[in-house]
Amino acid sequence: MIKTEPTYKSKRTFSWTTDKIIVKDTEKYGMGVFAKEKIKKNEKIAMFGGYVMTRKEEEEAPSDLYDNAMQIDDNLVMGT
């Protein structure tokens, strides 16, 4: 069940990336993810956490959440 009140106000976000990667500017396509060392097949390199909200809640969210939101379902996004 989706709550009608925005839930991002009181929750903390959690994300993780392995030390085997680096995020940097590509100078041509914006930010990119690059391997610093060999990564094995099926090895996890990142886990993202954030505020799950509806598309309507996203529109009303603070700009730092709105700008970084990624769609995770038809009507749900996760702002980081």
N, C-alpha and C. Protein backbone atom coordinates (compact mmCIF):
# COMPACT_ATOMS: atom_id res chain seq x y z
N MET A 1 0.84 -1.18 0.00
CA MET A 1 0.00 0.00 0.00
C MET A 1 0.88 1.24 0.00
N ILE A 2 0.56 2.20 -0.82
CA ILE A 2 1.33 3.44 -0.92
C ILE A 2 0.69 4.50 -0.03
N LYS A 3 1.48 5.10 0.84
CA LYS A 3 0.97 6.16 1.69
C LYS A 3 0.79 7.42 0.87
N THR A 4 -0.18 8.23 1.23
CA THR A 4 -0.41 9.47 0.49
C THR A 4 0.49 10.59 0.98
N GLU A 5 1.02 10.48 2.18
CA GLU A 5 1.95 11.47 2.70
C GLU A 5 3.36 11.18 2.18
N PRO A 6 4.12 12.20 1.79
CA PRO A 6 5.50 11.94 1.38
C PRO A 6 6.27 11.31 2.53
N THR A 7 7.03 10.26 2.25
CA THR A 7 7.76 9.55 3.29
C THR A 7 9.23 9.96 3.37
N TYR A 8 9.70 10.82 2.48
CA TYR A 8 11.11 11.15 2.43
C TYR A 8 11.56 12.09 3.53
N LYS A 9 10.64 12.70 4.26
CA LYS A 9 11.02 13.72 5.23
C LYS A 9 11.77 13.17 6.44
N SER A 10 11.50 11.94 6.84
CA SER A 10 12.09 11.45 8.08
C SER A 10 12.98 10.22 7.90
N LYS A 11 13.26 9.82 6.69
CA LYS A 11 14.07 8.63 6.47
C LYS A 11 15.46 8.98 5.96
N ARG A 12 16.42 8.08 6.22
CA ARG A 12 17.78 8.25 5.74
C ARG A 12 17.96 7.38 4.51
N THR A 13 18.83 7.80 3.61
CA THR A 13 19.14 6.99 2.44
C THR A 13 20.43 6.22 2.67
N PHE A 14 20.52 5.09 2.01
CA PHE A 14 21.71 4.26 2.11
C PHE A 14 22.06 3.75 0.72
N SER A 15 23.28 4.00 0.31
CA SER A 15 23.78 3.48 -0.95
C SER A 15 25.21 3.00 -0.73
N TRP A 16 25.67 2.12 -1.60
CA TRP A 16 27.01 1.55 -1.45
C TRP A 16 27.57 1.29 -2.83
N THR A 17 28.87 1.51 -2.99
CA THR A 17 29.59 1.08 -4.19
C THR A 17 30.89 0.41 -3.74
N THR A 18 31.32 -0.56 -4.51
CA THR A 18 32.56 -1.25 -4.23
C THR A 18 33.75 -0.31 -4.48
N ASP A 19 34.85 -0.60 -3.82
CA ASP A 19 36.08 0.18 -4.04
C ASP A 19 36.70 -0.13 -5.41
N LYS A 20 36.16 -1.12 -6.12
CA LYS A 20 36.70 -1.50 -7.42
C LYS A 20 36.24 -0.59 -8.55
N ILE A 21 35.36 0.37 -8.25
CA ILE A 21 34.88 1.28 -9.30
C ILE A 21 35.10 2.72 -8.88
N ILE A 22 35.06 3.59 -9.87
CA ILE A 22 35.13 5.02 -9.63
C ILE A 22 34.11 5.70 -10.54
N VAL A 23 33.45 6.70 -10.02
CA VAL A 23 32.50 7.49 -10.80
C VAL A 23 33.18 8.81 -11.13
N LYS A 24 33.24 9.12 -12.42
CA LYS A 24 33.91 10.36 -12.82
C LYS A 24 33.30 10.89 -14.12
N ASP A 25 33.64 12.10 -14.45
CA ASP A 25 33.14 12.74 -15.67
C ASP A 25 33.80 12.12 -16.89
N THR A 26 32.99 11.81 -17.91
CA THR A 26 33.52 11.21 -19.14
C THR A 26 34.03 12.28 -20.11
N GLU A 27 33.75 13.54 -19.83
CA GLU A 27 34.09 14.68 -20.68
C GLU A 27 33.30 14.71 -21.98
N LYS A 28 32.53 13.66 -22.28
CA LYS A 28 31.72 13.64 -23.49
C LYS A 28 30.25 13.32 -23.20
N TYR A 29 30.01 12.38 -22.27
CA TYR A 29 28.65 11.91 -22.01
C TYR A 29 28.16 12.18 -20.59
N GLY A 30 28.84 13.01 -19.83
CA GLY A 30 28.46 13.23 -18.43
C GLY A 30 29.19 12.25 -17.53
N MET A 31 28.56 11.92 -16.40
CA MET A 31 29.20 11.03 -15.44
C MET A 31 29.16 9.58 -15.92
N GLY A 32 30.20 8.83 -15.59
CA GLY A 32 30.29 7.42 -15.97
C GLY A 32 30.91 6.60 -14.86
N VAL A 33 30.73 5.30 -14.91
CA VAL A 33 31.29 4.38 -13.93
C VAL A 33 32.42 3.61 -14.60
N PHE A 34 33.58 3.59 -13.96
CA PHE A 34 34.76 2.96 -14.52
C PHE A 34 35.35 1.97 -13.52
N ALA A 35 35.84 0.84 -14.02
CA ALA A 35 36.48 -0.17 -13.17
C ALA A 35 37.90 0.28 -12.85
N LYS A 36 38.28 0.17 -11.57
CA LYS A 36 39.65 0.45 -11.15
C LYS A 36 40.47 -0.83 -11.11
N GLU A 37 39.78 -1.97 -11.02
CA GLU A 37 40.43 -3.28 -11.05
C GLU A 37 39.43 -4.30 -11.59
N LYS A 38 39.90 -5.51 -11.81
CA LYS A 38 39.07 -6.55 -12.40
C LYS A 38 37.84 -6.83 -11.54
N ILE A 39 36.69 -6.97 -12.20
CA ILE A 39 35.43 -7.28 -11.54
C ILE A 39 34.95 -8.62 -12.06
N LYS A 40 34.67 -9.53 -11.14
CA LYS A 40 34.23 -10.88 -11.52
C LYS A 40 32.80 -10.86 -12.02
N LYS A 41 32.46 -11.82 -12.88
CA LYS A 41 31.10 -11.99 -13.36
C LYS A 41 30.16 -12.14 -12.16
N ASN A 42 29.03 -11.45 -12.19
CA ASN A 42 27.99 -11.46 -11.15
C ASN A 42 28.40 -10.82 -9.83
N GLU A 43 29.56 -10.20 -9.78
CA GLU A 43 29.97 -9.51 -8.56
C GLU A 43 29.18 -8.22 -8.41
N LYS A 44 28.67 -7.95 -7.22
CA LYS A 44 27.92 -6.73 -6.98
C LYS A 44 28.88 -5.56 -6.91
N ILE A 45 28.54 -4.50 -7.63
CA ILE A 45 29.40 -3.32 -7.60
C ILE A 45 28.69 -2.11 -6.99
N ALA A 46 27.35 -2.16 -6.89
CA ALA A 46 26.62 -1.03 -6.30
C ALA A 46 25.27 -1.48 -5.79
N MET A 47 24.83 -0.83 -4.72
CA MET A 47 23.49 -1.02 -4.18
C MET A 47 22.96 0.37 -3.86
N PHE A 48 21.76 0.65 -4.34
CA PHE A 48 21.20 1.98 -4.16
C PHE A 48 20.06 1.96 -3.16
N GLY A 49 20.00 2.97 -2.34
CA GLY A 49 18.91 3.15 -1.39
C GLY A 49 18.40 4.57 -1.52
N GLY A 50 17.23 4.80 -1.02
CA GLY A 50 16.68 6.14 -1.10
C GLY A 50 15.25 6.19 -0.63
N TYR A 51 14.58 7.22 -1.03
CA TYR A 51 13.19 7.46 -0.66
C TYR A 51 12.27 6.97 -1.77
N VAL A 52 11.46 5.95 -1.51
CA VAL A 52 10.50 5.47 -2.50
C VAL A 52 9.27 6.35 -2.41
N MET A 53 8.84 6.85 -3.56
CA MET A 53 7.68 7.75 -3.61
C MET A 53 6.96 7.60 -4.94
N THR A 54 5.72 8.04 -4.95
CA THR A 54 4.95 8.02 -6.19
C THR A 54 5.45 9.13 -7.10
N ARG A 55 5.04 9.09 -8.36
CA ARG A 55 5.43 10.15 -9.31
C ARG A 55 4.90 11.50 -8.85
N LYS A 56 3.69 11.52 -8.27
CA LYS A 56 3.11 12.78 -7.76
C LYS A 56 3.94 13.31 -6.59
N GLU A 57 4.35 12.43 -5.67
CA GLU A 57 5.21 12.85 -4.56
C GLU A 57 6.54 13.37 -5.08
N GLU A 58 7.05 12.75 -6.14
CA GLU A 58 8.32 13.20 -6.72
C GLU A 58 8.21 14.64 -7.21
N GLU A 59 7.10 14.96 -7.85
CA GLU A 59 6.90 16.32 -8.36
C GLU A 59 6.91 17.35 -7.23
N GLU A 60 6.49 16.95 -6.03
CA GLU A 60 6.41 17.86 -4.89
C GLU A 60 7.64 17.78 -3.99
N ALA A 61 8.57 16.91 -4.31
CA ALA A 61 9.75 16.69 -3.48
C ALA A 61 10.75 17.83 -3.63
N PRO A 62 11.62 18.00 -2.64
CA PRO A 62 12.70 18.99 -2.76
C PRO A 62 13.54 18.69 -4.00
N SER A 63 14.10 19.72 -4.60
CA SER A 63 14.81 19.57 -5.88
C SER A 63 15.96 18.58 -5.82
N ASP A 64 16.64 18.45 -4.67
CA ASP A 64 17.77 17.50 -4.62
C ASP A 64 17.29 16.05 -4.72
N LEU A 65 16.09 15.74 -4.25
CA LEU A 65 15.53 14.40 -4.43
C LEU A 65 14.98 14.23 -5.83
N TYR A 66 14.28 15.24 -6.31
CA TYR A 66 13.66 15.17 -7.64
C TYR A 66 14.71 14.98 -8.73
N ASP A 67 15.79 15.74 -8.65
CA ASP A 67 16.83 15.68 -9.68
C ASP A 67 17.53 14.33 -9.74
N ASN A 68 17.57 13.61 -8.63
CA ASN A 68 18.30 12.35 -8.58
C ASN A 68 17.40 11.13 -8.59
N ALA A 69 16.11 11.31 -8.79
CA ALA A 69 15.17 10.19 -8.73
C ALA A 69 15.33 9.28 -9.94
N MET A 70 15.14 7.98 -9.69
CA MET A 70 15.14 7.01 -10.80
C MET A 70 13.87 6.18 -10.70
N GLN A 71 13.30 5.89 -11.84
CA GLN A 71 12.05 5.13 -11.87
C GLN A 71 12.31 3.67 -11.55
N ILE A 72 11.48 3.10 -10.63
CA ILE A 72 11.65 1.70 -10.23
C ILE A 72 10.40 0.87 -10.51
N ASP A 73 9.30 1.52 -10.91
CA ASP A 73 8.04 0.84 -11.24
C ASP A 73 7.22 1.84 -12.06
N ASP A 74 6.07 1.41 -12.56
CA ASP A 74 5.26 2.29 -13.40
C ASP A 74 4.96 3.63 -12.72
N ASN A 75 4.62 3.61 -11.43
CA ASN A 75 4.24 4.83 -10.75
C ASN A 75 5.11 5.11 -9.53
N LEU A 76 6.26 4.46 -9.42
CA LEU A 76 7.14 4.67 -8.27
C LEU A 76 8.53 5.06 -8.72
N VAL A 77 9.13 5.96 -7.94
CA VAL A 77 10.51 6.37 -8.17
C VAL A 77 11.26 6.29 -6.84
N MET A 78 12.59 6.26 -6.93
CA MET A 78 13.41 6.30 -5.73
C MET A 78 14.31 7.52 -5.84
N GLY A 79 14.13 8.44 -4.93
CA GLY A 79 15.00 9.63 -4.88
C GLY A 79 16.16 9.36 -3.96
N THR A 80 17.36 9.72 -4.40
CA THR A 80 18.55 9.42 -3.61
C THR A 80 19.18 10.67 -3.05
